[in-house]
Amino acid sequence: MYPPDCPDRIEPGSVEPIAVIPPAPAEMRAPLDKTRVRASRPVTYGGVDIPVNVVRHHGSSNLPPPEPGVWFVVALVVGLANRDRRDLLVPDEAVRSLGGSMIGCRSFGLPQGDADGRD
């Protein structure tokens, strides 16, 4: 976690994180179903036909059960696939290296509810 005034892009090590959250021992994934949109209607860009898939995310089967007072930080795709969970946070306001790789964030997001976070 970087401070709220941290720039969007930094040289790694140039800004001290305000917190470092260790990863969970098991990676949490959201399985995907992909369905090819009609092959007769690909996206064409620069003279090249690019296939289009409909992608549906399914809830993760390896999430730990909710615990009172405990938040789980997960990838955005996992959070969006598990909108029924009220204990999942996703990285928000990304901080990237000068090369564009995500190295942290300045806040967390709740991947459900309306604009003010309430259902």
C-alpha atoms as a PDB file:
ATOM      1  CA  MET A   1       0.000   0.000   0.000  1.00  0.00           C
ATOM      2  CA  TYR A   2       1.365   3.383  -1.014  1.00  0.00           C
ATOM      3  CA  PRO A   3       0.415   6.740   0.503  1.00  0.00           C
ATOM      4  CA  PRO A   4      -2.587   8.555  -1.024  1.00  0.00           C
ATOM      5  CA  ASP A   5      -0.318  11.208  -2.600  1.00  0.00           C
ATOM      6  CA  CYS A   6       1.963   8.669  -4.329  1.00  0.00           C
ATOM      7  CA  PRO A   7       2.197   9.242  -8.116  1.00  0.00           C
ATOM      8  CA  ASP A   8       0.641   6.730 -10.527  1.00  0.00           C
ATOM      9  CA  ARG A   9       4.100   5.715 -11.831  1.00  0.00           C
ATOM     10  CA  ILE A  10       7.266   5.533  -9.785  1.00  0.00           C
ATOM     11  CA  GLU A  11      10.747   4.077  -9.841  1.00  0.00           C
ATOM     12  CA  PRO A  12      10.489   1.039  -7.528  1.00  0.00           C
ATOM     13  CA  GLY A  13      12.068   1.901  -4.181  1.00  0.00           C
ATOM     14  CA  SER A  14      11.659   5.653  -4.632  1.00  0.00           C
ATOM     15  CA  VAL A  15       8.507   5.828  -2.462  1.00  0.00           C
ATOM     16  CA  GLU A  16       8.230   3.945   0.831  1.00  0.00           C
ATOM     17  CA  PRO A  17       5.068   1.802   1.075  1.00  0.00           C
ATOM     18  CA  ILE A  18       2.869   2.550   4.101  1.00  0.00           C
ATOM     19  CA  ALA A  19       2.043  -1.163   4.461  1.00  0.00           C
ATOM     20  CA  VAL A  20       3.092  -4.463   2.906  1.00  0.00           C
ATOM     21  CA  ILE A  21       0.470  -7.212   2.961  1.00  0.00           C
ATOM     22  CA  PRO A  22       1.894 -10.730   2.573  1.00  0.00           C
ATOM     23  CA  PRO A  23       0.240 -13.045   0.027  1.00  0.00           C
ATOM     24  CA  ALA A  24      -1.980 -15.926   1.081  1.00  0.00           C
ATOM     25  CA  PRO A  25      -0.418 -19.391   0.980  1.00  0.00           C
ATOM     26  CA  ALA A  26      -2.896 -20.511  -1.721  1.00  0.00           C
ATOM     27  CA  GLU A  27      -3.676 -18.579  -4.886  1.00  0.00           C
ATOM     28  CA  MET A  28      -7.361 -17.780  -5.381  1.00  0.00           C
ATOM     29  CA  ARG A  29      -8.663 -18.061  -8.923  1.00  0.00           C
ATOM     30  CA  ALA A  30     -11.957 -17.444 -10.692  1.00  0.00           C
ATOM     31  CA  PRO A  31     -12.646 -20.129 -13.326  1.00  0.00           C
ATOM     32  CA  LEU A  32     -13.672 -18.815 -16.755  1.00  0.00           C
ATOM     33  CA  ASP A  33     -16.107 -20.043 -19.394  1.00  0.00           C
ATOM     34  CA  LYS A  34     -15.348 -18.768 -22.891  1.00  0.00           C
ATOM     35  CA  THR A  35     -17.732 -18.880 -25.807  1.00  0.00           C
ATOM     36  CA  ARG A  36     -16.629 -17.766 -29.263  1.00  0.00           C
ATOM     37  CA  VAL A  37     -18.924 -15.126 -30.744  1.00  0.00           C
ATOM     38  CA  ARG A  38     -20.055 -16.002 -34.256  1.00  0.00           C
ATOM     39  CA  ALA A  39     -16.957 -16.676 -36.324  1.00  0.00           C
ATOM     40  CA  SER A  40     -18.515 -14.726 -39.200  1.00  0.00           C
ATOM     41  CA  ARG A  41     -18.279 -11.468 -37.193  1.00  0.00           C
ATOM     42  CA  PRO A  42     -14.736 -11.059 -35.818  1.00  0.00           C
ATOM     43  CA  VAL A  43     -13.292  -7.670 -34.982  1.00  0.00           C
ATOM     44  CA  THR A  44     -11.130  -6.406 -37.814  1.00  0.00           C
ATOM     45  CA  TYR A  45      -8.190  -4.167 -36.984  1.00  0.00           C
ATOM     46  CA  GLY A  46      -5.413  -3.240 -39.381  1.00  0.00           C
ATOM     47  CA  GLY A  47      -6.710  -5.768 -41.899  1.00  0.00           C
ATOM     48  CA  VAL A  48      -6.494  -8.621 -39.372  1.00  0.00           C
ATOM     49  CA  ASP A  49      -9.540 -10.551 -38.124  1.00  0.00           C
ATOM     50  CA  ILE A  50      -9.433 -10.946 -34.332  1.00  0.00           C
ATOM     51  CA  PRO A  51     -11.751 -13.504 -32.665  1.00  0.00           C
ATOM     52  CA  VAL A  52     -14.087 -12.299 -29.916  1.00  0.00           C
ATOM     53  CA  ASN A  53     -14.995 -14.452 -26.902  1.00  0.00           C
ATOM     54  CA  VAL A  54     -17.823 -13.993 -24.412  1.00  0.00           C
ATOM     55  CA  VAL A  55     -16.138 -14.493 -21.029  1.00  0.00           C
ATOM     56  CA  ARG A  56     -18.065 -15.452 -17.910  1.00  0.00           C
ATOM     57  CA  HIS A  57     -16.424 -15.675 -14.502  1.00  0.00           C
ATOM     58  CA  HIS A  58     -17.588 -18.151 -11.903  1.00  0.00           C
ATOM     59  CA  GLY A  59     -17.181 -17.904  -8.146  1.00  0.00           C
ATOM     60  CA  SER A  60     -13.908 -19.193  -6.770  1.00  0.00           C
ATOM     61  CA  SER A  61     -14.082 -22.565  -5.139  1.00  0.00           C
ATOM     62  CA  ASN A  62     -10.930 -22.146  -3.047  1.00  0.00           C
ATOM     63  CA  LEU A  63     -11.817 -18.949  -1.172  1.00  0.00           C
ATOM     64  CA  PRO A  64     -11.628 -19.344   2.590  1.00  0.00           C
ATOM     65  CA  PRO A  65     -14.966 -19.046   4.380  1.00  0.00           C
ATOM     66  CA  PRO A  66     -15.898 -15.575   5.641  1.00  0.00           C
ATOM     67  CA  GLU A  67     -14.646 -14.737   9.128  1.00  0.00           C
ATOM     68  CA  PRO A  68     -16.080 -11.907  11.252  1.00  0.00           C
ATOM     69  CA  GLY A  69     -13.758  -8.894  11.165  1.00  0.00           C
ATOM     70  CA  VAL A  70     -11.493 -10.376   8.462  1.00  0.00           C
ATOM     71  CA  TRP A  71     -10.994  -8.932   4.960  1.00  0.00           C
ATOM     72  CA  PHE A  72      -9.458 -10.854   2.072  1.00  0.00           C
ATOM     73  CA  VAL A  73      -7.531  -8.954  -0.628  1.00  0.00           C
ATOM     74  CA  VAL A  74      -8.081 -10.663  -3.971  1.00  0.00           C
ATOM     75  CA  ALA A  75      -7.577  -9.953  -7.661  1.00  0.00           C
ATOM     76  CA  LEU A  76     -10.319  -7.917  -9.342  1.00  0.00           C
ATOM     77  CA  VAL A  77     -11.514 -10.888 -11.391  1.00  0.00           C
ATOM     78  CA  VAL A  78     -11.933 -12.955  -8.192  1.00  0.00           C
ATOM     79  CA  GLY A  79     -13.810 -10.131  -6.461  1.00  0.00           C
ATOM     80  CA  LEU A  80     -16.140  -9.595  -9.427  1.00  0.00           C
ATOM     81  CA  ALA A  81     -16.796 -13.337  -9.711  1.00  0.00           C
ATOM     82  CA  ASN A  82     -17.794 -13.442  -6.015  1.00  0.00           C
ATOM     83  CA  ARG A  83     -19.998 -10.352  -5.651  1.00  0.00           C
ATOM     84  CA  ASP A  84     -22.076 -12.127  -3.010  1.00  0.00           C
ATOM     85  CA  ARG A  85     -19.095 -11.985  -0.635  1.00  0.00           C
ATOM     86  CA  ARG A  86     -18.916  -8.847   1.509  1.00  0.00           C
ATOM     87  CA  ASP A  87     -15.419  -9.571   2.833  1.00  0.00           C
ATOM     88  CA  LEU A  88     -13.406  -9.248  -0.393  1.00  0.00           C
ATOM     89  CA  LEU A  89     -11.274  -6.217  -1.241  1.00  0.00           C
ATOM     90  CA  VAL A  90      -9.486  -5.556  -4.539  1.00  0.00           C
ATOM     91  CA  PRO A  91      -6.496  -3.306  -5.231  1.00  0.00           C
ATOM     92  CA  ASP A  92      -7.598   0.141  -6.449  1.00  0.00           C
ATOM     93  CA  GLU A  93      -5.738   3.254  -7.585  1.00  0.00           C
ATOM     94  CA  ALA A  94      -2.804   1.291  -8.969  1.00  0.00           C
ATOM     95  CA  VAL A  95       0.812   2.350  -8.547  1.00  0.00           C
ATOM     96  CA  ARG A  96       2.957   1.165 -11.460  1.00  0.00           C
ATOM     97  CA  SER A  97       6.653   1.041 -12.198  1.00  0.00           C
ATOM     98  CA  LEU A  98       7.989   3.351 -14.896  1.00  0.00           C
ATOM     99  CA  GLY A  99       7.808   0.308 -17.190  1.00  0.00           C
ATOM    100  CA  GLY A 100       4.062  -0.101 -16.501  1.00  0.00           C
ATOM    101  CA  SER A 101       4.045  -3.130 -14.160  1.00  0.00           C
ATOM    102  CA  MET A 102       1.690  -2.881 -11.181  1.00  0.00           C
ATOM    103  CA  ILE A 103       3.745  -2.748  -7.977  1.00  0.00           C
ATOM    104  CA  GLY A 104       1.092  -1.668  -5.482  1.00  0.00           C
ATOM    105  CA  CYS A 105      -1.973   0.471  -4.911  1.00  0.00           C
ATOM    106  CA  ARG A 106      -3.166   3.467  -2.901  1.00  0.00           C
ATOM    107  CA  SER A 107      -6.549   2.112  -1.808  1.00  0.00           C
ATOM    108  CA  PHE A 108      -8.841  -0.909  -1.851  1.00  0.00           C
ATOM    109  CA  GLY A 109     -12.115  -1.305  -3.712  1.00  0.00           C
ATOM    110  CA  LEU A 110     -15.266  -3.242  -2.818  1.00  0.00           C
ATOM    111  CA  PRO A 111     -16.370  -5.156  -5.939  1.00  0.00           C
ATOM    112  CA  GLN A 112     -20.122  -4.984  -5.267  1.00  0.00           C
ATOM    113  CA  GLY A 113     -22.901  -2.646  -4.191  1.00  0.00           C
ATOM    114  CA  ASP A 114     -23.925   0.687  -5.633  1.00  0.00           C
ATOM    115  CA  ALA A 115     -21.778   3.815  -6.067  1.00  0.00           C
ATOM    116  CA  ASP A 116     -21.615   4.626  -2.364  1.00  0.00           C
ATOM    117  CA  GLY A 117     -20.781   1.043  -1.312  1.00  0.00           C
ATOM    118  CA  ARG A 118     -24.245   0.167  -0.011  1.00  0.00           C
ATOM    119  CA  ASP A 119     -26.518  -2.495  -1.500  1.00  0.00           C
END
